[in-house]
Amino acid sequence: MRVKKYNIIMREMSDFKAFFAMLRDVRKKKYPAPWGMFALIFLFVFYFLSPIDLIPDYIFPVLGFADDAAFALFTFAVIRKEVKKYKLSLENGGTLK
C-alpha cells in the first residue's frame, strides 16, 4: 500500500513539473499554446476569487460547495489532458500527433 501511494505522488509530481515545462515551452514558442486551457484556468481563478457564485454557498451549503468542486475537478482534468499531450509530444520528438 505504501508503494502505491508513493507511485501516485511521484506521478503527480511528474505532471506538476511537466505543466511548468509546458508553460516554459509555450513562452519560448517551442510548443503551441493551448489557449482553451489558459482561458479555463483564468475562469477558474476568477470564479474562486469572485464573491459572485453560481450556487451561493451560504444559501445551499452542500450544492454550493459541490459546484465549486465540480468546476475545480473539470479544470484539473483539462490541465491533466493537456500535460499528457505535451508529454506525448516530447516523446515523439516535439511534434504533436
Protein backbone atom coordinates (compact mmCIF):
# COMPACT_ATOMS: atom_id res chain seq x y z
CA MET A 1 0.00 0.00 0.00
CA ARG A 2 2.79 2.39 0.83
CA VAL A 3 4.48 1.79 -2.53
CA LYS A 4 1.21 2.54 -4.36
CA LYS A 5 0.84 5.88 -2.56
CA TYR A 6 4.45 6.71 -3.36
CA ASN A 7 3.87 5.94 -7.06
CA ILE A 8 0.80 8.20 -7.15
CA ILE A 9 2.73 11.03 -5.51
CA MET A 10 5.62 10.62 -7.95
CA ARG A 11 3.24 10.63 -10.93
CA GLU A 12 1.58 13.81 -9.68
CA MET A 13 4.97 15.48 -9.15
CA SER A 14 5.96 14.46 -12.68
CA ASP A 15 2.77 16.02 -14.07
CA PHE A 16 3.35 19.15 -11.97
CA LYS A 17 6.88 19.55 -13.35
CA ALA A 18 5.66 18.83 -16.89
CA PHE A 19 2.98 21.53 -16.54
CA PHE A 20 5.59 24.17 -15.78
CA ALA A 21 7.87 22.81 -18.51
CA MET A 22 4.94 23.14 -20.92
CA LEU A 23 4.40 26.75 -19.82
CA ARG A 24 8.10 27.45 -20.37
CA ASP A 25 8.00 25.89 -23.85
CA VAL A 26 4.86 27.88 -24.73
CA ARG A 27 6.63 31.06 -23.66
CA LYS A 28 9.65 30.13 -25.80
CA LYS A 29 7.31 29.24 -28.70
CA LYS A 30 8.54 25.64 -28.77
CA TYR A 31 5.05 24.30 -28.07
CA PRO A 32 1.71 25.63 -29.38
CA ALA A 33 -0.27 27.45 -26.72
CA PRO A 34 -3.37 25.59 -25.51
CA TRP A 35 -5.48 28.75 -25.30
CA GLY A 36 -8.57 26.88 -24.17
CA MET A 37 -6.72 25.59 -21.13
CA PHE A 38 -5.37 29.05 -20.33
CA ALA A 39 -8.86 30.54 -20.60
CA LEU A 40 -10.24 27.84 -18.32
CA ILE A 41 -7.50 28.46 -15.73
CA PHE A 42 -8.29 32.18 -15.84
CA LEU A 43 -12.01 31.49 -15.35
CA PHE A 44 -11.21 29.05 -12.54
CA VAL A 45 -9.15 31.63 -10.64
CA PHE A 46 -11.71 34.38 -11.30
CA TYR A 47 -14.60 32.16 -10.17
CA PHE A 48 -12.94 31.27 -6.88
CA LEU A 49 -11.84 34.83 -6.11
CA SER A 50 -15.14 36.38 -7.11
CA PRO A 51 -17.82 36.94 -4.48
CA ILE A 52 -20.43 36.00 -7.10
CA ASP A 53 -21.19 32.29 -7.15
CA LEU A 54 -23.34 30.18 -9.46
CA ILE A 55 -24.93 28.43 -6.45
CA PRO A 56 -24.32 30.50 -3.29
CA ASP A 57 -22.59 28.52 -0.54
CA TYR A 58 -24.47 30.29 2.25
CA ILE A 59 -27.93 29.52 0.81
CA PHE A 60 -27.34 25.94 -0.37
CA PRO A 61 -24.22 24.79 1.52
CA VAL A 62 -23.86 21.31 0.00
CA LEU A 63 -24.78 22.28 -3.54
CA GLY A 64 -22.79 25.49 -3.30
CA PHE A 65 -19.59 23.64 -2.49
CA ALA A 66 -20.41 20.86 -4.94
CA ASP A 67 -20.49 23.22 -7.94
CA ASP A 68 -17.15 24.69 -6.83
CA ALA A 69 -15.67 21.20 -6.54
CA ALA A 70 -17.07 20.14 -9.92
CA PHE A 71 -15.56 23.19 -11.63
CA ALA A 72 -12.20 22.53 -9.95
CA LEU A 73 -12.22 18.86 -10.97
CA PHE A 74 -13.13 19.75 -14.55
CA THR A 75 -10.34 22.34 -14.72
CA PHE A 76 -7.76 19.90 -13.34
CA ALA A 77 -8.92 17.21 -15.78
CA VAL A 78 -8.39 19.59 -18.72
CA ILE A 79 -4.95 20.55 -17.40
CA ARG A 80 -4.01 16.88 -16.98
CA LYS A 81 -5.16 16.15 -20.55
CA GLU A 82 -3.01 18.99 -21.92
CA VAL A 83 0.00 17.86 -19.87
CA LYS A 84 -0.45 14.33 -21.23
CA LYS A 85 -0.49 15.71 -24.79
CA TYR A 86 2.65 17.71 -24.00
CA LYS A 87 4.45 14.64 -22.64
CA LEU A 88 3.47 12.64 -25.73
CA SER A 89 4.76 15.40 -27.97
CA LEU A 90 8.11 15.27 -26.15
CA GLU A 91 8.26 11.51 -26.64
CA ASN A 92 7.55 12.00 -30.37
CA GLY A 93 10.42 14.39 -30.77
CA GLY A 94 8.50 17.61 -30.17
CA THR A 95 5.72 17.06 -32.72
CA LEU A 96 2.04 16.94 -31.88
CA LYS A 97 0.07 13.96 -33.08
